[in-house]
Amino acid sequence: QLPPEAMRILWDEFTEVTTEQLAIGKKAWAAIRSPTPELVQRLAATGTPELPTMAIALDRHLKQLPSEHNGLNLTENLVLKILDEKGEMNAARMFGWYTNHYEPLTFMGDTAFWNILDGLAEAEHPAIIQKKQGTKPVQWQLSLTQTGRDLLNNKLDWLTLNTVDRWVGGIHIDTHAGKIYRV
C-alpha cells in the first residue's frame, strides 16, 4: 500500500527478524492452516507483542468466516452495506469505496474482490445483481436485491439459502459437509 518513496524512507528502519518474531510467524502460519479457528483465536488474543500488527491481521482473517448473524463474512457484509448506503454503482467504484472507506484493514486485491462479487451475484438466492456489460469492472453495474437487504438486516442466513464451498485459510466452509465455523 505504500508508494516507492515511502519504502525508500523506511528502508533504513528495517531490522533483522528476531528468534521470537520468527517463532510467532511460524505459529501464525500453523494457525492459519489449521482446519478450525481456535489456534488463530488464541494467538490473536495474546496480542502478539513480538509482532504487534500480527494479532490485528489474525483478527481480520477470522472475520472472513461466516457471521453468526447472517452467514456472510465481513467483506460480503460491507459490500451489501455500501450498496445499501450509496446505491447502485459499478464494480470499480465499489472496490474504491470498500478499500478506501469501509474495510478496516486493507488486505485484498481487486481480483479476489471480483470473486466475492461473483459469489454474491451468482448464488441460488443472490444478494446483489451484477450486470456485466464488458470486461472492465467499470462496466459491471451492481445493485442490492431484496435478499441482500434482508441479509443486511439479519432476517436471512446466507448459508441456509445458498450452497457455499470455499476456504478461509485451512478452514473449509462447505454447507454440504455440516459444521460451519461462525464468528
N, C-alpha and C. Protein backbone atom coordinates (compact mmCIF):
# COMPACT_ATOMS: atom_id res chain seq x y z
N GLN A 1 0.81 -1.19 0.00
CA GLN A 1 0.00 0.00 0.00
C GLN A 1 0.85 1.26 0.00
N LEU A 2 2.14 1.13 0.20
CA LEU A 2 3.00 2.31 0.27
C LEU A 2 3.60 2.64 -1.09
N PRO A 3 3.74 3.94 -1.39
CA PRO A 3 4.41 4.32 -2.63
C PRO A 3 5.91 4.07 -2.51
N PRO A 4 6.61 4.01 -3.64
CA PRO A 4 8.06 3.72 -3.60
C PRO A 4 8.85 4.68 -2.71
N GLU A 5 8.44 5.97 -2.69
CA GLU A 5 9.17 6.94 -1.87
C GLU A 5 9.12 6.57 -0.39
N ALA A 6 7.97 6.12 0.06
CA ALA A 6 7.83 5.73 1.47
C ALA A 6 8.66 4.49 1.78
N MET A 7 8.71 3.58 0.83
CA MET A 7 9.53 2.38 1.04
C MET A 7 11.01 2.75 1.18
N ARG A 8 11.46 3.73 0.37
CA ARG A 8 12.87 4.16 0.47
C ARG A 8 13.16 4.77 1.84
N ILE A 9 12.22 5.55 2.35
CA ILE A 9 12.40 6.18 3.66
C ILE A 9 12.45 5.12 4.76
N LEU A 10 11.59 4.11 4.64
CA LEU A 10 11.52 3.07 5.67
C LEU A 10 12.68 2.08 5.60
N TRP A 11 13.37 2.04 4.48
CA TRP A 11 14.43 1.04 4.29
C TRP A 11 15.46 1.08 5.41
N ASP A 12 15.83 2.27 5.84
CA ASP A 12 16.85 2.40 6.89
C ASP A 12 16.34 1.95 8.25
N GLU A 13 15.03 1.82 8.40
CA GLU A 13 14.45 1.40 9.68
C GLU A 13 14.26 -0.12 9.78
N PHE A 14 14.50 -0.83 8.69
CA PHE A 14 14.35 -2.28 8.73
C PHE A 14 15.36 -2.88 9.70
N THR A 15 14.92 -3.91 10.43
CA THR A 15 15.80 -4.62 11.34
C THR A 15 15.71 -6.11 11.04
N GLU A 16 16.66 -6.84 11.53
CA GLU A 16 16.65 -8.29 11.33
C GLU A 16 15.53 -8.91 12.16
N VAL A 17 14.96 -9.95 11.64
CA VAL A 17 13.91 -10.68 12.35
C VAL A 17 14.54 -11.39 13.54
N THR A 18 13.91 -11.25 14.70
CA THR A 18 14.41 -11.92 15.91
C THR A 18 13.92 -13.36 15.96
N THR A 19 14.52 -14.13 16.81
CA THR A 19 14.10 -15.52 17.02
C THR A 19 12.65 -15.57 17.49
N GLU A 20 12.27 -14.64 18.37
CA GLU A 20 10.90 -14.59 18.89
C GLU A 20 9.90 -14.23 17.78
N GLN A 21 10.28 -13.29 16.92
CA GLN A 21 9.40 -12.92 15.82
C GLN A 21 9.22 -14.08 14.84
N LEU A 22 10.29 -14.78 14.56
CA LEU A 22 10.22 -15.94 13.67
C LEU A 22 9.31 -17.02 14.29
N ALA A 23 9.41 -17.22 15.58
CA ALA A 23 8.56 -18.21 16.25
C ALA A 23 7.09 -17.83 16.15
N ILE A 24 6.78 -16.55 16.34
CA ILE A 24 5.38 -16.09 16.21
C ILE A 24 4.91 -16.27 14.77
N GLY A 25 5.77 -15.97 13.82
CA GLY A 25 5.42 -16.17 12.41
C GLY A 25 5.08 -17.62 12.10
N LYS A 26 5.87 -18.53 12.65
CA LYS A 26 5.62 -19.96 12.45
C LYS A 26 4.30 -20.37 13.11
N LYS A 27 4.04 -19.85 14.31
CA LYS A 27 2.77 -20.15 14.99
C LYS A 27 1.59 -19.61 14.19
N ALA A 28 1.74 -18.41 13.64
CA ALA A 28 0.66 -17.80 12.86
C ALA A 28 0.38 -18.63 11.61
N TRP A 29 1.43 -19.08 10.94
CA TRP A 29 1.26 -19.87 9.72
C TRP A 29 0.55 -21.19 10.05
N ALA A 30 0.96 -21.84 11.12
CA ALA A 30 0.30 -23.08 11.53
C ALA A 30 -1.16 -22.83 11.90
N ALA A 31 -1.42 -21.72 12.57
CA ALA A 31 -2.80 -21.39 12.98
C ALA A 31 -3.68 -21.13 11.76
N ILE A 32 -3.18 -20.38 10.80
CA ILE A 32 -3.98 -20.07 9.60
C ILE A 32 -4.25 -21.33 8.79
N ARG A 33 -3.33 -22.27 8.80
CA ARG A 33 -3.51 -23.53 8.06
C ARG A 33 -4.41 -24.52 8.81
N SER A 34 -4.69 -24.26 10.06
CA SER A 34 -5.48 -25.17 10.89
C SER A 34 -6.91 -25.29 10.35
N PRO A 35 -7.53 -26.47 10.47
CA PRO A 35 -8.90 -26.66 9.98
C PRO A 35 -9.98 -26.07 10.90
N THR A 36 -9.58 -25.51 12.03
CA THR A 36 -10.53 -24.87 12.95
C THR A 36 -9.98 -23.49 13.34
N PRO A 37 -10.82 -22.59 13.81
CA PRO A 37 -10.35 -21.23 14.13
C PRO A 37 -9.68 -21.08 15.49
N GLU A 38 -9.67 -22.09 16.32
CA GLU A 38 -9.21 -21.93 17.70
C GLU A 38 -7.77 -21.44 17.82
N LEU A 39 -6.85 -22.00 17.03
CA LEU A 39 -5.45 -21.59 17.12
C LEU A 39 -5.28 -20.12 16.73
N VAL A 40 -6.00 -19.68 15.71
CA VAL A 40 -5.92 -18.27 15.31
C VAL A 40 -6.49 -17.39 16.41
N GLN A 41 -7.62 -17.80 16.98
CA GLN A 41 -8.23 -17.02 18.06
C GLN A 41 -7.29 -16.89 19.25
N ARG A 42 -6.68 -18.01 19.64
CA ARG A 42 -5.77 -17.99 20.79
C ARG A 42 -4.54 -17.12 20.54
N LEU A 43 -3.98 -17.24 19.35
CA LEU A 43 -2.80 -16.45 19.04
C LEU A 43 -3.14 -14.96 18.95
N ALA A 44 -4.25 -14.62 18.34
CA ALA A 44 -4.67 -13.22 18.26
C ALA A 44 -4.91 -12.65 19.65
N ALA A 45 -5.46 -13.45 20.54
CA ALA A 45 -5.78 -12.99 21.90
C ALA A 45 -4.52 -12.64 22.70
N THR A 46 -3.37 -13.17 22.31
CA THR A 46 -2.12 -12.84 23.01
C THR A 46 -1.65 -11.43 22.70
N GLY A 47 -2.16 -10.85 21.62
CA GLY A 47 -1.69 -9.53 21.21
C GLY A 47 -0.38 -9.59 20.44
N THR A 48 0.20 -10.77 20.33
CA THR A 48 1.49 -11.00 19.66
C THR A 48 2.46 -9.83 19.85
N PRO A 49 2.90 -9.58 21.09
CA PRO A 49 3.75 -8.41 21.37
C PRO A 49 5.05 -8.38 20.55
N GLU A 50 5.54 -9.53 20.14
CA GLU A 50 6.76 -9.55 19.33
C GLU A 50 6.49 -8.97 17.93
N LEU A 51 5.28 -9.12 17.45
CA LEU A 51 4.83 -8.58 16.15
C LEU A 51 3.43 -8.00 16.36
N PRO A 52 3.31 -6.80 16.90
CA PRO A 52 2.00 -6.26 17.29
C PRO A 52 0.94 -6.22 16.18
N THR A 53 1.36 -6.04 14.95
CA THR A 53 0.36 -5.99 13.87
C THR A 53 -0.15 -7.38 13.49
N MET A 54 0.56 -8.43 13.90
CA MET A 54 0.13 -9.79 13.58
C MET A 54 -1.23 -10.10 14.20
N ALA A 55 -1.44 -9.74 15.45
CA ALA A 55 -2.72 -10.02 16.11
C ALA A 55 -3.88 -9.32 15.39
N ILE A 56 -3.62 -8.10 14.92
CA ILE A 56 -4.65 -7.35 14.19
C ILE A 56 -4.99 -8.07 12.89
N ALA A 57 -3.96 -8.53 12.18
CA ALA A 57 -4.18 -9.24 10.93
C ALA A 57 -4.90 -10.58 11.16
N LEU A 58 -4.54 -11.28 12.22
CA LEU A 58 -5.21 -12.55 12.52
C LEU A 58 -6.68 -12.33 12.86
N ASP A 59 -6.97 -11.28 13.60
CA ASP A 59 -8.36 -10.95 13.92
C ASP A 59 -9.15 -10.66 12.65
N ARG A 60 -8.55 -9.92 11.72
CA ARG A 60 -9.25 -9.62 10.46
C ARG A 60 -9.46 -10.89 9.66
N HIS A 61 -8.48 -11.77 9.67
CA HIS A 61 -8.59 -13.06 8.98
C HIS A 61 -9.82 -13.83 9.48
N LEU A 62 -10.02 -13.84 10.79
CA LEU A 62 -11.17 -14.54 11.37
C LEU A 62 -12.50 -13.95 10.90
N LYS A 63 -12.52 -12.67 10.58
CA LYS A 63 -13.75 -12.03 10.14
C LYS A 63 -14.14 -12.41 8.72
N GLN A 64 -13.30 -13.21 8.06
CA GLN A 64 -13.68 -13.75 6.76
C GLN A 64 -14.48 -15.05 6.93
N LEU A 65 -14.64 -15.49 8.17
CA LEU A 65 -15.54 -16.61 8.44
C LEU A 65 -16.98 -16.09 8.45
N PRO A 66 -17.95 -16.96 8.23
CA PRO A 66 -19.35 -16.52 8.23
C PRO A 66 -19.77 -15.91 9.56
N SER A 67 -20.59 -14.90 9.48
CA SER A 67 -21.13 -14.24 10.67
C SER A 67 -22.19 -15.11 11.33
N GLU A 68 -22.26 -15.05 12.65
CA GLU A 68 -23.32 -15.72 13.39
C GLU A 68 -24.69 -15.14 13.05
N HIS A 69 -24.71 -13.88 12.62
CA HIS A 69 -25.97 -13.16 12.42
C HIS A 69 -26.63 -13.45 11.07
N ASN A 70 -25.81 -13.57 10.00
CA ASN A 70 -26.43 -13.75 8.68
C ASN A 70 -25.64 -14.67 7.75
N GLY A 71 -24.57 -15.27 8.22
CA GLY A 71 -23.81 -16.22 7.42
C GLY A 71 -22.85 -15.60 6.42
N LEU A 72 -22.81 -14.28 6.32
CA LEU A 72 -21.88 -13.60 5.42
C LEU A 72 -20.61 -13.24 6.17
N ASN A 73 -19.48 -13.18 5.46
CA ASN A 73 -18.26 -12.71 6.10
C ASN A 73 -18.23 -11.18 6.08
N LEU A 74 -17.22 -10.59 6.71
CA LEU A 74 -17.17 -9.14 6.82
C LEU A 74 -17.14 -8.47 5.45
N THR A 75 -16.34 -8.99 4.52
CA THR A 75 -16.26 -8.37 3.20
C THR A 75 -17.62 -8.39 2.52
N GLU A 76 -18.31 -9.51 2.56
CA GLU A 76 -19.63 -9.60 1.94
C GLU A 76 -20.61 -8.64 2.59
N ASN A 77 -20.58 -8.57 3.92
CA ASN A 77 -21.46 -7.63 4.62
C ASN A 77 -21.16 -6.19 4.23
N LEU A 78 -19.89 -5.85 4.07
CA LEU A 78 -19.52 -4.49 3.69
C LEU A 78 -20.00 -4.15 2.28
N VAL A 79 -19.93 -5.11 1.36
CA VAL A 79 -20.44 -4.88 0.00
C VAL A 79 -21.93 -4.53 0.06
N LEU A 80 -22.69 -5.31 0.82
CA LEU A 80 -24.13 -5.03 0.93
C LEU A 80 -24.38 -3.68 1.59
N LYS A 81 -23.61 -3.37 2.62
CA LYS A 81 -23.76 -2.09 3.32
C LYS A 81 -23.48 -0.92 2.39
N ILE A 82 -22.44 -1.02 1.59
CA ILE A 82 -22.10 0.05 0.65
C ILE A 82 -23.24 0.26 -0.35
N LEU A 83 -23.75 -0.82 -0.91
CA LEU A 83 -24.86 -0.69 -1.87
C LEU A 83 -26.10 -0.12 -1.20
N ASP A 84 -26.35 -0.52 0.04
CA ASP A 84 -27.50 0.00 0.77
C ASP A 84 -27.35 1.50 1.02
N GLU A 85 -26.16 1.93 1.40
CA GLU A 85 -25.93 3.34 1.74
C GLU A 85 -25.70 4.23 0.52
N LYS A 86 -25.00 3.72 -0.49
CA LYS A 86 -24.59 4.55 -1.63
C LYS A 86 -25.43 4.32 -2.88
N GLY A 87 -26.17 3.21 -2.93
CA GLY A 87 -26.99 2.92 -4.10
C GLY A 87 -26.20 2.19 -5.19
N GLU A 88 -26.87 1.96 -6.28
CA GLU A 88 -26.29 1.23 -7.41
C GLU A 88 -25.00 1.92 -7.87
N MET A 89 -24.01 1.09 -8.25
CA MET A 89 -22.74 1.64 -8.73
C MET A 89 -22.00 0.57 -9.52
N ASN A 90 -20.94 0.99 -10.20
CA ASN A 90 -20.15 0.00 -10.93
C ASN A 90 -19.14 -0.66 -9.98
N ALA A 91 -18.61 -1.79 -10.42
CA ALA A 91 -17.73 -2.59 -9.56
C ALA A 91 -16.42 -1.86 -9.23
N ALA A 92 -15.90 -1.07 -10.15
CA ALA A 92 -14.67 -0.33 -9.87
C ALA A 92 -14.90 0.68 -8.75
N ARG A 93 -16.01 1.39 -8.81
CA ARG A 93 -16.33 2.34 -7.74
C ARG A 93 -16.56 1.60 -6.42
N MET A 94 -17.23 0.47 -6.48
CA MET A 94 -17.47 -0.35 -5.28
C MET A 94 -16.14 -0.72 -4.63
N PHE A 95 -15.16 -1.15 -5.44
CA PHE A 95 -13.87 -1.52 -4.90
C PHE A 95 -13.21 -0.32 -4.21
N GLY A 96 -13.35 0.85 -4.79
CA GLY A 96 -12.81 2.06 -4.18
C GLY A 96 -13.46 2.37 -2.84
N TRP A 97 -14.78 2.31 -2.79
CA TRP A 97 -15.49 2.55 -1.52
C TRP A 97 -15.08 1.51 -0.49
N TYR A 98 -15.06 0.26 -0.92
CA TYR A 98 -14.70 -0.83 0.01
C TYR A 98 -13.29 -0.61 0.57
N THR A 99 -12.32 -0.45 -0.29
CA THR A 99 -10.92 -0.37 0.12
C THR A 99 -10.60 0.91 0.90
N ASN A 100 -11.12 2.03 0.43
CA ASN A 100 -10.71 3.33 0.99
C ASN A 100 -11.56 3.85 2.14
N HIS A 101 -12.78 3.29 2.29
CA HIS A 101 -13.68 3.88 3.29
C HIS A 101 -14.30 2.88 4.27
N TYR A 102 -14.44 1.62 3.87
CA TYR A 102 -15.18 0.67 4.70
C TYR A 102 -14.31 -0.44 5.29
N GLU A 103 -13.35 -0.93 4.56
CA GLU A 103 -12.52 -2.04 5.04
C GLU A 103 -11.60 -1.57 6.15
N PRO A 104 -11.70 -2.18 7.34
CA PRO A 104 -10.87 -1.72 8.47
C PRO A 104 -9.38 -2.05 8.33
N LEU A 105 -9.05 -3.07 7.53
CA LEU A 105 -7.64 -3.47 7.39
C LEU A 105 -7.45 -3.99 5.96
N THR A 106 -7.08 -3.11 5.08
CA THR A 106 -6.96 -3.47 3.66
C THR A 106 -6.01 -4.65 3.49
N PHE A 107 -6.51 -5.69 2.82
CA PHE A 107 -5.69 -6.88 2.61
C PHE A 107 -5.96 -7.54 1.26
N MET A 108 -7.02 -7.14 0.59
CA MET A 108 -7.48 -7.85 -0.58
C MET A 108 -7.25 -7.04 -1.85
N GLY A 109 -6.76 -7.70 -2.87
CA GLY A 109 -6.63 -7.08 -4.18
C GLY A 109 -7.93 -7.13 -4.97
N ASP A 110 -7.92 -6.52 -6.13
CA ASP A 110 -9.15 -6.44 -6.90
C ASP A 110 -9.64 -7.78 -7.43
N THR A 111 -8.75 -8.66 -7.84
CA THR A 111 -9.18 -9.95 -8.39
C THR A 111 -9.94 -10.77 -7.35
N ALA A 112 -9.43 -10.83 -6.13
CA ALA A 112 -10.14 -11.54 -5.06
C ALA A 112 -11.48 -10.86 -4.78
N PHE A 113 -11.51 -9.54 -4.85
CA PHE A 113 -12.75 -8.81 -4.61
C PHE A 113 -13.78 -9.12 -5.69
N TRP A 114 -13.36 -9.22 -6.96
CA TRP A 114 -14.31 -9.57 -8.03
C TRP A 114 -14.91 -10.95 -7.76
N ASN A 115 -14.12 -11.87 -7.21
CA ASN A 115 -14.64 -13.20 -6.87
C ASN A 115 -15.71 -13.12 -5.79
N ILE A 116 -15.53 -12.21 -4.83
CA ILE A 116 -16.54 -12.01 -3.78
C ILE A 116 -17.84 -11.52 -4.43
N LEU A 117 -17.72 -10.54 -5.34
CA LEU A 117 -18.91 -10.02 -6.02
C LEU A 117 -19.61 -11.12 -6.81
N ASP A 118 -18.83 -11.93 -7.53
CA ASP A 118 -19.42 -13.04 -8.29
C ASP A 118 -20.17 -13.99 -7.37
N GLY A 119 -19.59 -14.30 -6.23
CA GLY A 119 -20.25 -15.20 -5.28
C GLY A 119 -21.57 -14.65 -4.78
N LEU A 120 -21.62 -13.35 -4.52
CA LEU A 120 -22.86 -12.72 -4.05
C LEU A 120 -23.91 -12.64 -5.16
N ALA A 121 -23.45 -12.56 -6.41
CA ALA A 121 -24.38 -12.39 -7.54
C ALA A 121 -24.82 -13.71 -8.17
N GLU A 122 -24.00 -14.73 -8.09
CA GLU A 122 -24.28 -15.98 -8.82
C GLU A 122 -24.82 -17.08 -7.93
N ALA A 123 -25.16 -16.78 -6.71
CA ALA A 123 -25.71 -17.77 -5.78
C ALA A 123 -27.15 -18.12 -6.16
N GLU A 124 -27.65 -19.20 -5.56
CA GLU A 124 -29.04 -19.60 -5.81
C GLU A 124 -30.01 -18.48 -5.46
N HIS A 125 -29.73 -17.79 -4.39
CA HIS A 125 -30.52 -16.63 -3.94
C HIS A 125 -29.57 -15.44 -3.83
N PRO A 126 -29.35 -14.73 -4.94
CA PRO A 126 -28.34 -13.68 -4.97
C PRO A 126 -28.62 -12.52 -4.00
N ALA A 127 -27.54 -11.99 -3.44
CA ALA A 127 -27.64 -10.82 -2.57
C ALA A 127 -27.49 -9.53 -3.38
N ILE A 128 -26.84 -9.64 -4.54
CA ILE A 128 -26.68 -8.49 -5.42
C ILE A 128 -26.98 -8.89 -6.85
N ILE A 129 -27.28 -7.90 -7.66
CA ILE A 129 -27.38 -8.08 -9.11
C ILE A 129 -26.13 -7.47 -9.70
N GLN A 130 -25.48 -8.22 -10.56
CA GLN A 130 -24.26 -7.76 -11.21
C GLN A 130 -24.45 -7.88 -12.73
N LYS A 131 -24.62 -6.75 -13.39
CA LYS A 131 -24.80 -6.73 -14.85
C LYS A 131 -23.47 -6.39 -15.49
N LYS A 132 -22.84 -7.41 -16.09
CA LYS A 132 -21.55 -7.22 -16.74
C LYS A 132 -21.80 -6.90 -18.22
N GLN A 133 -21.49 -5.67 -18.60
CA GLN A 133 -21.68 -5.24 -19.98
C GLN A 133 -20.35 -5.01 -20.68
N GLY A 134 -19.34 -5.73 -20.26
CA GLY A 134 -18.00 -5.63 -20.81
C GLY A 134 -17.03 -6.36 -19.90
N THR A 135 -15.76 -6.24 -20.21
CA THR A 135 -14.75 -6.97 -19.45
C THR A 135 -14.14 -6.14 -18.33
N LYS A 136 -14.40 -4.85 -18.31
CA LYS A 136 -13.80 -3.97 -17.30
C LYS A 136 -14.77 -3.74 -16.15
N PRO A 137 -14.25 -3.76 -14.91
CA PRO A 137 -15.12 -3.56 -13.74
C PRO A 137 -15.96 -2.29 -13.79
N VAL A 138 -15.49 -1.28 -14.48
CA VAL A 138 -16.28 -0.05 -14.62
C VAL A 138 -17.55 -0.31 -15.43
N GLN A 139 -17.58 -1.43 -16.14
CA GLN A 139 -18.74 -1.80 -16.96
C GLN A 139 -19.67 -2.80 -16.25
N TRP A 140 -19.40 -3.09 -14.99
CA TRP A 140 -20.23 -4.03 -14.24
C TRP A 140 -21.07 -3.25 -13.25
N GLN A 141 -22.36 -3.18 -13.48
CA GLN A 141 -23.28 -2.45 -12.59
C GLN A 141 -23.74 -3.36 -11.46
N LEU A 142 -23.70 -2.84 -10.24
CA LEU A 142 -24.09 -3.60 -9.06
C LEU A 142 -25.29 -2.95 -8.39
N SER A 143 -26.20 -3.77 -7.94
CA SER A 143 -27.31 -3.27 -7.13
C SER A 143 -27.70 -4.34 -6.12
N LEU A 144 -28.38 -3.91 -5.09
CA LEU A 144 -28.78 -4.76 -3.98
C LEU A 144 -30.12 -5.42 -4.27
N THR A 145 -30.24 -6.71 -3.98
CA THR A 145 -31.53 -7.40 -4.11
C THR A 145 -32.28 -7.31 -2.78
N GLN A 146 -33.53 -7.73 -2.79
CA GLN A 146 -34.27 -7.78 -1.53
C GLN A 146 -33.64 -8.80 -0.58
N THR A 147 -33.14 -9.88 -1.14
CA THR A 147 -32.42 -10.86 -0.32
C THR A 147 -31.22 -10.20 0.34
N GLY A 148 -30.49 -9.37 -0.40
CA GLY A 148 -29.36 -8.65 0.16
C GLY A 148 -29.77 -7.73 1.30
N ARG A 149 -30.89 -7.05 1.13
CA ARG A 149 -31.39 -6.18 2.20
C ARG A 149 -31.76 -6.99 3.44
N ASP A 150 -32.42 -8.12 3.21
CA ASP A 150 -32.82 -8.97 4.33
C ASP A 150 -31.61 -9.57 5.04
N LEU A 151 -30.58 -9.91 4.29
CA LEU A 151 -29.33 -10.40 4.90
C LEU A 151 -28.69 -9.30 5.73
N LEU A 152 -28.64 -8.11 5.18
CA LEU A 152 -28.05 -6.97 5.88
C LEU A 152 -28.77 -6.68 7.18
N ASN A 153 -30.08 -6.93 7.20
CA ASN A 153 -30.89 -6.71 8.41
C ASN A 153 -31.01 -7.96 9.26
N ASN A 154 -30.17 -8.97 8.97
CA ASN A 154 -30.12 -10.23 9.74
C ASN A 154 -31.46 -10.96 9.78
N LYS A 155 -32.24 -10.85 8.71
CA LYS A 155 -33.51 -11.57 8.61
C LYS A 155 -33.35 -12.91 7.91
N LEU A 156 -32.25 -13.09 7.20
CA LEU A 156 -31.97 -14.33 6.48
C LEU A 156 -30.56 -14.80 6.81
N ASP A 157 -30.28 -16.05 6.47
CA ASP A 157 -28.95 -16.61 6.66
C ASP A 157 -28.42 -17.12 5.31
N TRP A 158 -27.31 -16.54 4.88
CA TRP A 158 -26.70 -16.87 3.59
C TRP A 158 -26.40 -18.35 3.45
N LEU A 159 -25.97 -18.98 4.53
CA LEU A 159 -25.56 -20.38 4.47
C LEU A 159 -26.73 -21.35 4.42
N THR A 160 -27.91 -20.92 4.83
CA THR A 160 -29.08 -21.79 4.67
C THR A 160 -29.77 -21.52 3.34
N LEU A 161 -29.57 -20.34 2.78
CA LEU A 161 -30.16 -20.01 1.48
C LEU A 161 -29.38 -20.60 0.31
N ASN A 162 -28.06 -20.68 0.45
CA ASN A 162 -27.19 -20.97 -0.69
C ASN A 162 -26.17 -22.06 -0.37
N THR A 163 -25.67 -22.66 -1.43
CA THR A 163 -24.57 -23.60 -1.33
C THR A 163 -23.28 -22.80 -1.28
N VAL A 164 -22.47 -23.06 -0.28
CA VAL A 164 -21.19 -22.37 -0.14
C VAL A 164 -20.10 -23.43 0.01
N ASP A 165 -19.05 -23.27 -0.77
CA ASP A 165 -17.90 -24.17 -0.70
C ASP A 165 -16.66 -23.32 -0.98
N ARG A 166 -15.98 -22.91 0.09
CA ARG A 166 -14.80 -22.07 -0.03
C ARG A 166 -13.89 -22.32 1.17
N TRP A 167 -12.71 -21.75 1.10
CA TRP A 167 -11.72 -21.91 2.16
C TRP A 167 -11.36 -20.55 2.74
N VAL A 168 -11.19 -20.50 4.05
CA VAL A 168 -10.62 -19.35 4.74
C VAL A 168 -9.40 -19.91 5.45
N GLY A 169 -8.24 -19.73 4.82
CA GLY A 169 -7.04 -20.40 5.32
C GLY A 169 -7.27 -21.90 5.25
N GLY A 170 -7.06 -22.60 6.36
CA GLY A 170 -7.26 -24.05 6.39
C GLY A 170 -8.67 -24.48 6.74
N ILE A 171 -9.56 -23.52 6.95
CA ILE A 171 -10.94 -23.83 7.35
C ILE A 171 -11.80 -23.96 6.10
N HIS A 172 -12.38 -25.13 5.93
CA HIS A 172 -13.24 -25.39 4.78
C HIS A 172 -14.68 -25.04 5.15
N ILE A 173 -15.24 -24.10 4.45
CA ILE A 173 -16.64 -23.73 4.65
C ILE A 173 -17.43 -24.41 3.54
N ASP A 174 -18.17 -25.43 3.93
CA ASP A 174 -18.90 -26.26 2.97
C ASP A 174 -20.27 -26.55 3.56
N THR A 175 -21.29 -25.96 2.97
CA THR A 175 -22.64 -26.13 3.52
C THR A 175 -23.14 -27.57 3.40
N HIS A 176 -22.54 -28.36 2.54
CA HIS A 176 -22.95 -29.77 2.42
C HIS A 176 -22.29 -30.65 3.48
N ALA A 177 -21.18 -30.20 4.04
CA ALA A 177 -20.41 -31.03 4.98
C ALA A 177 -20.91 -30.95 6.42
N GLY A 178 -21.69 -29.95 6.72
CA GLY A 178 -22.21 -29.88 8.10
C GLY A 178 -21.68 -28.72 8.89
N LYS A 179 -20.74 -29.00 9.80
CA LYS A 179 -20.28 -27.98 10.74
C LYS A 179 -19.62 -26.81 10.02
N ILE A 180 -20.12 -25.63 10.32
CA ILE A 180 -19.58 -24.38 9.77
C ILE A 180 -19.16 -23.51 10.94
N TYR A 181 -17.93 -23.04 10.92
CA TYR A 181 -17.46 -22.12 11.95
C TYR A 181 -17.97 -20.72 11.64
N ARG A 182 -18.48 -20.05 12.67
CA ARG A 182 -19.00 -18.70 12.53
C ARG A 182 -18.37 -17.80 13.58
N VAL A 183 -18.33 -16.51 13.26
CA VAL A 183 -17.79 -15.53 14.20
C VAL A 183 -18.84 -14.47 14.51
